[in-house]
Protein backbone atom coordinates (compact mmCIF):
# COMPACT_ATOMS: atom_id res chain seq x y z
CA MET A 1 0.03 0.24 0.08
CA LEU A 2 2.88 2.68 0.73
CA CYS A 3 4.63 1.63 -2.37
CA LEU A 4 1.45 2.16 -4.31
CA CYS A 5 0.97 5.88 -2.68
CA ALA A 6 4.39 6.57 -3.70
CA VAL A 7 3.97 5.68 -7.17
CA LEU A 8 0.67 7.93 -7.66
CA ALA A 9 2.35 10.73 -5.66
CA GLY A 10 4.71 10.78 -8.65
CA CYS A 11 2.24 10.90 -11.14
CA GLY A 12 1.08 14.65 -10.42
CA ASP A 13 0.37 15.87 -13.46
CA SER A 14 -0.47 12.70 -15.60
CA SER A 15 -3.84 11.05 -16.05
CA LEU A 16 -2.71 8.38 -13.74
CA ASN A 17 -3.42 10.81 -10.52
CA PRO A 18 -6.70 9.78 -9.06
CA MET A 19 -6.90 13.31 -7.88
CA ARG A 20 -7.44 14.64 -11.70
CA TRP A 21 -9.83 11.80 -12.54
CA PHE A 22 -12.66 14.10 -11.96
CA ASP A 23 -10.89 17.24 -12.36
CA ARG A 24 -13.41 19.79 -15.27
CA GLY A 25 -11.17 21.83 -16.48
CA GLY A 26 -8.80 22.73 -13.29
CA ALA A 27 -8.65 25.44 -11.19
CA PRO A 28 -8.73 28.87 -12.52
CA ARG A 29 -5.16 30.02 -13.21
CA GLY A 30 -4.14 33.50 -12.23
CA PRO A 31 -2.87 35.89 -14.49
CA GLN A 32 0.86 35.09 -16.34
CA THR A 33 1.55 38.73 -15.85
CA LEU A 34 1.50 41.58 -13.63
CA GLU A 35 0.78 43.96 -16.13
CA PRO A 36 -2.67 45.73 -16.14
CA ARG A 37 -4.94 44.76 -18.90
CA GLY A 38 -4.88 46.84 -21.82
CA GLY A 39 -1.10 47.50 -20.87
CA TYR A 40 0.71 50.17 -18.99
CA ALA A 41 -0.43 53.71 -20.06
CA ASP A 42 2.18 55.83 -21.80
CA THR A 43 1.86 59.50 -21.35
CA ASP A 44 -0.83 61.57 -19.61
CA GLN A 45 -2.75 62.54 -22.87
CA ARG A 46 -4.53 65.58 -21.05
CA LEU A 47 -3.61 69.10 -21.16
CA PRO A 48 -2.84 72.32 -18.88
CA VAL A 49 -5.35 74.07 -17.82
CA PRO A 50 -4.54 77.18 -19.10
CA GLN A 51 -5.05 79.74 -15.47
CA VAL A 52 -4.36 79.03 -11.86
CA LEU A 53 -6.81 81.11 -10.14
CA SER A 54 -5.75 80.28 -6.38
CA ALA A 55 -4.22 77.86 -4.05
CA ARG A 56 -4.45 77.09 -0.20
CA TRP A 57 -3.91 74.66 2.57
CA GLU A 58 -6.64 72.94 4.55
CA PRO A 59 -6.05 70.81 7.37
CA THR A 60 -6.48 66.91 7.75
CA VAL A 61 -6.28 64.64 10.35
CA GLU A 62 -3.06 62.82 8.71
CA GLY A 63 -1.41 66.09 6.89
CA ARG A 64 -2.43 68.73 4.58
CA LEU A 65 -5.14 69.09 1.50
CA LEU A 66 -3.87 71.50 -1.22
CA VAL A 67 -6.76 73.05 -2.74
CA VAL A 68 -6.29 74.25 -6.10
CA THR A 69 -9.14 76.77 -8.29
CA ALA A 70 -8.60 77.54 -11.71
CA ILE A 71 -10.44 78.29 -14.93
CA ALA A 72 -10.50 77.30 -18.64
CA PRO A 73 -11.46 79.32 -21.60
CA THR A 74 -14.33 77.56 -22.44
CA LYS A 75 -17.09 75.07 -20.56
CA GLY A 76 -16.82 71.78 -20.50
CA TRP A 77 -13.28 70.79 -19.31
CA TRP A 78 -13.14 67.29 -17.12
CA ASP A 79 -10.73 64.93 -15.49
CA VAL A 80 -8.63 67.84 -13.89
CA ALA A 81 -6.30 66.42 -11.52
CA LEU A 82 -2.87 67.67 -10.22
CA VAL A 83 -0.10 65.73 -11.29
CA THR A 84 3.64 65.72 -10.26
CA GLU A 85 6.14 67.04 -12.94
CA THR A 86 8.00 63.83 -12.73
CA PRO A 87 6.55 60.52 -12.58
CA GLN A 88 6.54 58.92 -9.22
CA PRO A 89 4.81 55.42 -8.14
CA ALA A 90 1.26 55.53 -7.15
CA GLY A 91 0.58 56.45 -3.20
CA ARG A 92 4.15 58.32 -2.96
CA VAL A 93 5.14 62.22 -3.64
CA ARG A 94 8.87 63.27 -3.07
CA PRO A 95 9.98 66.60 -3.89
CA GLY A 96 13.09 67.50 -5.72
CA PRO A 97 16.59 67.95 -4.56
CA ASP A 98 15.60 71.40 -3.76
CA GLY A 99 12.65 70.57 -1.44
CA VAL A 100 10.27 72.06 -3.77
CA LEU A 101 7.04 69.77 -5.20
CA ARG A 102 6.58 70.60 -9.05
CA LEU A 103 2.83 69.68 -9.83
CA LYS A 104 0.81 70.40 -13.40
CA LEU A 105 -2.44 71.34 -13.24
CA VAL A 106 -4.14 69.18 -16.25
CA GLY A 107 -7.67 68.33 -17.92
CA ALA A 108 -9.17 67.19 -20.68
CA PRO A 109 -10.72 69.87 -22.87
CA PRO A 110 -13.97 69.37 -24.56
CA LEU A 111 -14.56 67.71 -27.82
CA ALA A 112 -14.15 70.19 -30.87
CA GLU A 113 -17.85 68.91 -31.85
CA ASP A 114 -19.62 69.63 -28.18
CA THR A 115 -21.40 72.64 -27.73
CA ALA A 116 -19.30 73.65 -24.80
CA ALA A 117 -16.54 73.99 -26.42
CA ARG A 118 -17.92 76.91 -27.88
CA MET A 119 -19.25 78.71 -25.08
CA PRO A 120 -16.62 80.60 -22.81
CA ALA A 121 -16.42 80.03 -19.34
CA GLN A 122 -17.61 82.34 -16.88
CA PRO A 123 -15.35 82.96 -13.82
CA GLY A 124 -18.01 82.59 -11.05
CA ALA A 125 -19.80 79.51 -12.62
CA ASP A 126 -17.25 77.52 -14.34
CA THR A 127 -14.29 77.26 -12.03
CA LEU A 128 -12.56 73.83 -11.59
CA THR A 129 -11.36 73.15 -8.29
CA VAL A 130 -9.13 70.15 -7.55
CA ALA A 131 -7.42 68.74 -4.70
CA PHE A 132 -4.20 66.86 -3.94
CA PRO A 133 -3.64 65.11 -0.32
CA LEU A 134 -0.36 65.32 1.23
CA SER A 135 0.35 63.04 4.37
CA ASN A 136 2.46 64.43 7.36
CA ALA A 137 5.53 62.23 6.39
CA ALA A 138 5.24 63.32 2.56
CA LEU A 139 5.23 67.02 3.86
CA GLU A 140 8.35 66.59 6.04
CA TRP A 141 10.38 66.39 3.00
CA ILE A 142 8.71 69.23 1.15
CA ASP A 143 9.64 73.15 1.77
CA SER A 144 7.20 74.48 -0.90
CA VAL A 145 4.55 73.37 -3.68
CA THR A 146 4.70 75.05 -6.92
CA ILE A 147 1.56 74.59 -9.51
CA SER A 148 1.85 74.92 -12.80
CA ALA A 149 -0.67 75.78 -15.31
CA GLY A 150 -0.85 76.36 -19.25
CA LEU A 151 -0.66 80.61 -18.70
CA ASN A 152 0.59 80.75 -15.15
CA GLY A 153 1.95 79.07 -12.10
CA ILE A 154 1.55 79.57 -8.38
CA SER A 155 3.56 78.68 -5.27
CA LEU A 156 2.72 77.97 -1.66
CA LYS A 157 5.09 77.55 1.39
CA VAL A 158 4.58 74.24 3.56
């Protein structure tokens, strides 16, 4: 009996293994690669938002929230975000060697055939507001933050 068990244990991937006799397709296999479906994004296709109006700090429990207000020339801008000028791993924010964290304000303009692309933005109603959270651990390394837009920029001390 012991000899039979040793022989069958050696047949792990063969049809002689009794554990595989009633197997219907096998266990689902995981992905063969860590690459996300559709591949990695090459570059951010969003354009710089033309004008930054203001920037301010809001306190949070775990650090600060950088709140930036901007305006675009037309209505309909979407997917507005603050991104680091130099690519960094997700969830990590590090300033340059000079202690300055450089951010870009980017967004997607409306499509050319969209009616919003032909309507000028109204400063009171069509402002764009975006926030960027910074933890206390990240703030220890940052002396100031510079936000650049298409036509202007703004800097804040930490």
